Amino acid sequence: MTDDTQTQVPTCEDLAGRPEEYREAIGKLVISHAVNELYGAQVFDEPAIALAPTPYAKWLTCRVAMEEYGHHVRFKELGEQMGIAAERMTPSEKKPLSIFEFDLESWAQFCVIKLLADLAEILQVEDLLHCTFHPLRNLARMTMPEERFHAQFGEDFCTELCQTEEGRRDVQAAIDIYYPILPAFFGRSKSRNNDIFRKWGIKQRTNDEMRIDYVNRARVLVEGKLGLKLPELEITVN
């Protein structure tokens, strides 16, 4: 007998025949991605164009901003195909994540945001690559190469900044300020939403499993590749 919670859902039309809990869970994820991709582009990526120090850096930052706005457009289109009202997928209707409350002031800060926040987003997208709802899975697979480019952008420009003592100080200062708010990006331990996501094969891992993976990857980037220090945080796992 097929486990109903792991049944594959090939199209948006097929979603109508799935249980309400499944449909609501998919809707929460799509709305969250649509809102946060838009808000992040507005408060980080677009303003960073003015902060970029060279025409080359501005060009690549424009690409990042364009792709982040594009992610919003794709998730919003998927939401509308699912029957979600467009206004529900805007920051005015749903509060964006706390990682976007940071006041961007410098180029070094933006590069660190791309280095660390986009790494966190990569982990979130990775967990959707085998989602039972195929339209969301396919969108995750389409989005992943761009998310990897954004994280690589951060690594490359942080590496460039670290070639000078002033740049190293600026990057380390940005890491010290921004990194501590990122582990919360993965949600609470023993999250009811995460339980439902995993029950239906929408996500694969617990919030704590992703959080630990993130901290380990961030340490490799910051300490292994940049030769800087990742702040020590008390990560509680339940």
Protein backbone atom coordinates (compact mmCIF):
# COMPACT_ATOMS: atom_id res chain seq x y z
CA MET A 1 0.00 0.00 0.00
CA THR A 2 1.29 3.47 -0.90
CA ASP A 3 1.91 5.83 2.00
CA ASP A 4 -0.43 8.75 1.24
CA THR A 5 1.90 11.21 2.92
CA GLN A 6 4.62 10.47 0.35
CA THR A 7 2.42 10.52 -2.77
CA GLN A 8 3.91 12.61 -5.55
CA VAL A 9 1.92 15.63 -6.76
CA PRO A 10 2.93 16.39 -10.37
CA THR A 11 0.95 19.59 -11.06
CA CYS A 12 -0.88 22.47 -9.41
CA GLU A 13 -4.14 20.94 -10.61
CA ASP A 14 -3.35 17.74 -8.70
CA LEU A 15 -2.88 19.78 -5.53
CA ALA A 16 -6.64 20.22 -5.23
CA GLY A 17 -7.05 16.53 -4.46
CA ARG A 18 -4.57 16.48 -1.62
CA PRO A 19 -5.44 16.85 2.09
CA GLU A 20 -5.89 20.35 3.48
CA GLU A 21 -2.85 20.01 5.74
CA TYR A 22 -0.65 19.31 2.72
CA ARG A 23 -2.08 22.19 0.70
CA GLU A 24 -1.66 24.64 3.57
CA ALA A 25 1.94 23.52 4.14
CA ILE A 26 2.84 24.06 0.49
CA GLY A 27 1.12 27.44 0.56
CA LYS A 28 3.11 28.56 3.62
CA LEU A 29 6.40 27.76 1.91
CA VAL A 30 5.52 29.44 -1.36
CA ILE A 31 4.26 32.59 0.38
CA SER A 32 7.36 32.74 2.58
CA HIS A 33 9.73 32.45 -0.38
CA ALA A 34 7.81 35.00 -2.44
CA VAL A 35 7.78 37.54 0.39
CA ASN A 36 11.36 37.12 1.52
CA GLU A 37 12.89 37.06 -1.98
CA LEU A 38 11.16 40.36 -2.70
CA TYR A 39 12.03 42.00 0.60
CA GLY A 40 15.65 40.89 0.51
CA ALA A 41 16.06 42.33 -2.97
CA GLN A 42 14.55 45.63 -1.81
CA VAL A 43 16.56 46.12 1.40
CA PHE A 44 19.88 44.47 0.49
CA ASP A 45 20.52 43.75 -3.18
CA GLU A 46 19.21 46.85 -4.92
CA PRO A 47 20.73 49.32 -2.38
CA ALA A 48 24.07 47.48 -2.66
CA ILE A 49 24.46 48.59 -6.27
CA ALA A 50 25.26 52.10 -5.02
CA LEU A 51 27.74 50.68 -2.47
CA ALA A 52 29.64 48.56 -5.00
CA PRO A 53 33.13 50.09 -5.49
CA THR A 54 33.76 49.41 -9.19
CA PRO A 55 31.77 49.12 -12.43
CA TYR A 56 32.48 45.37 -12.44
CA ALA A 57 31.17 44.97 -8.89
CA LYS A 58 28.10 47.06 -9.76
CA TRP A 59 27.44 44.90 -12.81
CA LEU A 60 27.51 41.67 -10.78
CA THR A 61 25.44 43.24 -8.01
CA CYS A 62 22.85 44.25 -10.60
CA ARG A 63 22.74 40.63 -11.71
CA VAL A 64 22.22 39.47 -8.13
CA ALA A 65 19.40 41.98 -7.63
CA MET A 66 17.79 40.99 -10.92
CA GLU A 67 17.88 37.30 -10.00
CA GLU A 68 16.50 37.87 -6.50
CA TYR A 69 13.59 39.84 -7.93
CA GLY A 70 13.22 37.02 -10.45
CA HIS A 71 12.93 34.48 -7.64
CA HIS A 72 10.07 36.50 -6.18
CA VAL A 73 8.34 36.60 -9.56
CA ARG A 74 8.65 32.82 -9.97
CA PHE A 75 7.35 32.00 -6.51
CA LYS A 76 4.55 34.52 -6.88
CA GLU A 77 3.55 32.98 -10.21
CA LEU A 78 3.51 29.52 -8.63
CA GLY A 79 1.40 30.83 -5.76
CA GLU A 80 -1.11 32.34 -8.16
CA GLN A 81 -1.31 29.04 -10.05
CA MET A 82 -2.13 27.44 -6.70
CA GLY A 83 -4.90 29.97 -6.11
CA ILE A 84 -3.06 32.18 -3.60
CA ALA A 85 -4.05 35.85 -3.85
CA ALA A 86 -1.18 38.07 -5.04
CA GLU A 87 -1.46 40.44 -2.08
CA ARG A 88 -0.74 37.56 0.34
CA MET A 89 2.72 37.25 -1.20
CA THR A 90 3.92 40.75 -0.29
CA PRO A 91 5.78 42.09 2.78
CA SER A 92 2.77 44.24 3.64
CA GLU A 93 0.71 41.09 4.27
CA LYS A 94 3.35 38.78 5.77
CA LYS A 95 6.24 39.96 7.93
CA PRO A 96 9.63 39.14 6.36
CA LEU A 97 12.24 37.12 8.21
CA SER A 98 14.28 38.79 10.95
CA ILE A 99 17.54 38.40 8.99
CA PHE A 100 16.35 41.30 6.81
CA GLU A 101 16.07 43.72 9.76
CA PHE A 102 19.80 44.40 9.54
CA ASP A 103 20.61 47.96 8.43
CA LEU A 104 22.94 47.66 5.44
CA GLU A 105 25.63 50.37 5.56
CA SER A 106 28.70 49.14 3.67
CA TRP A 107 29.97 47.07 0.77
CA ALA A 108 31.75 44.70 3.17
CA GLN A 109 28.47 44.07 4.98
CA PHE A 110 26.71 43.25 1.74
CA CYS A 111 29.45 40.81 0.73
CA VAL A 112 29.13 39.07 4.11
CA ILE A 113 25.35 38.90 3.69
CA LYS A 114 25.83 37.17 0.36
CA LEU A 115 28.47 34.88 1.86
CA LEU A 116 26.45 33.77 4.88
CA ALA A 117 22.75 34.50 4.30
CA ASP A 118 22.77 33.01 0.82
CA LEU A 119 24.52 29.93 2.19
CA ALA A 120 21.57 29.59 4.56
CA GLU A 121 19.19 29.95 1.62
CA ILE A 122 21.07 27.24 -0.28
CA LEU A 123 20.39 24.81 2.56
CA GLN A 124 16.69 25.70 2.50
CA VAL A 125 16.50 25.20 -1.26
CA GLU A 126 18.45 21.92 -1.02
CA ASP A 127 15.73 20.58 1.24
CA LEU A 128 13.11 21.18 -1.46
CA LEU A 129 14.97 19.44 -4.30
CA HIS A 130 13.07 16.20 -3.69
CA CYS A 131 9.78 17.77 -2.61
CA THR A 132 6.66 15.68 -3.31
CA PHE A 133 5.00 18.75 -4.86
CA HIS A 134 6.75 18.76 -8.22
CA PRO A 135 6.14 22.41 -9.19
CA LEU A 136 7.90 23.52 -6.01
CA ARG A 137 10.64 20.93 -6.48
CA ASN A 138 11.20 22.06 -10.05
CA LEU A 139 11.32 25.71 -8.98
CA ALA A 140 13.91 24.85 -6.32
CA ARG A 141 16.02 23.12 -8.97
CA MET A 142 15.72 26.15 -11.25
CA THR A 143 16.62 28.54 -8.44
CA MET A 144 19.58 26.62 -7.02
CA PRO A 145 22.25 27.63 -9.59
CA GLU A 146 21.45 31.31 -9.01
CA GLU A 147 21.57 30.89 -5.23
CA ARG A 148 24.97 29.25 -5.59
CA PHE A 149 26.14 32.17 -7.73
CA HIS A 150 25.01 34.63 -5.05
CA ALA A 151 26.92 32.77 -2.33
CA GLN A 152 29.98 32.53 -4.57
CA PHE A 153 29.68 36.27 -5.21
CA GLY A 154 29.93 36.80 -1.46
CA GLU A 155 32.90 34.47 -1.10
CA ASP A 156 34.77 36.03 -4.02
CA PHE A 157 34.31 39.63 -2.92
CA CYS A 158 35.01 38.83 0.75
CA THR A 159 38.22 37.14 -0.39
CA GLU A 160 39.11 40.24 -2.40
CA LEU A 161 38.44 42.53 0.55
CA CYS A 162 40.59 40.37 2.82
CA GLN A 163 43.66 41.14 0.72
CA THR A 164 44.12 44.31 2.81
CA GLU A 165 44.18 44.72 6.58
CA GLU A 166 41.39 47.29 6.45
CA GLY A 167 39.28 44.97 4.33
CA ARG A 168 39.88 42.04 6.69
CA ARG A 169 38.78 44.18 9.63
CA ASP A 170 35.65 45.28 7.77
CA VAL A 171 34.69 41.74 6.79
CA GLN A 172 35.34 40.39 10.30
CA ALA A 173 33.29 43.20 11.82
CA ALA A 174 30.40 42.43 9.47
CA ILE A 175 30.58 38.72 10.32
CA ASP A 176 30.58 39.53 14.05
CA ILE A 177 27.42 41.60 13.68
CA TYR A 178 25.48 39.58 11.13
CA TYR A 179 26.30 35.92 11.71
CA PRO A 180 24.70 35.66 15.20
CA ILE A 181 21.22 36.31 13.79
CA LEU A 182 21.47 33.64 11.07
CA PRO A 183 21.01 30.31 12.93
CA ALA A 184 17.48 31.42 13.87
CA PHE A 185 16.73 31.54 10.12
CA PHE A 186 16.16 27.77 10.26
CA GLY A 187 13.27 27.99 12.67
CA ARG A 188 12.54 26.64 16.12
CA SER A 189 13.53 23.22 17.38
CA LYS A 190 10.56 20.86 17.51
CA SER A 191 8.68 23.04 15.03
CA ARG A 192 5.13 21.96 14.25
CA ASN A 193 5.46 23.33 10.72
CA ASN A 194 8.66 21.37 10.15
CA ASP A 195 6.99 18.20 11.45
CA ILE A 196 4.24 18.65 8.87
CA PHE A 197 6.69 19.43 6.06
CA ARG A 198 8.62 16.21 6.75
CA LYS A 199 5.48 14.16 7.25
CA TRP A 200 4.36 14.95 3.72
CA GLY A 201 7.77 14.69 2.07
CA ILE A 202 7.90 18.43 1.39
CA LYS A 203 11.12 18.82 3.37
CA GLN A 204 13.67 16.22 4.37
CA ARG A 205 15.43 17.43 7.51
CA THR A 206 14.61 18.90 10.90
CA ASN A 207 15.36 22.55 11.60
CA ASP A 208 18.12 21.51 14.00
CA GLU A 209 19.75 19.23 11.42
CA MET A 210 19.85 22.08 8.91
CA ARG A 211 21.07 24.53 11.55
CA ILE A 212 24.01 22.28 12.54
CA ASP A 213 24.87 21.71 8.88
CA TYR A 214 24.78 25.46 8.30
CA VAL A 215 27.09 26.28 11.22
CA ASN A 216 29.59 23.68 10.00
CA ARG A 217 29.56 25.02 6.43
CA ALA A 218 29.81 28.61 7.64
CA ARG A 219 32.88 27.70 9.71
CA VAL A 220 34.57 26.16 6.67
CA LEU A 221 33.94 29.37 4.71
CA VAL A 222 34.91 31.89 7.35
CA GLU A 223 37.76 30.10 9.10
CA GLY A 224 38.94 27.64 6.49
CA LYS A 225 38.77 29.83 3.39
CA LEU A 226 38.92 33.42 4.63
CA GLY A 227 41.13 32.80 7.65
CA LEU A 228 38.81 34.84 9.86
CA LYS A 229 36.91 33.96 13.04
CA LEU A 230 33.34 32.71 13.20
CA PRO A 231 31.71 33.93 16.42
CA GLU A 232 31.03 31.16 18.92
CA LEU A 233 27.32 30.73 19.51
CA GLU A 234 25.45 28.45 21.85
CA ILE A 235 23.36 26.33 19.49
CA THR A 236 20.67 24.43 21.39
CA VAL A 237 19.50 21.20 19.78
CA ASN A 238 16.39 19.42 21.05
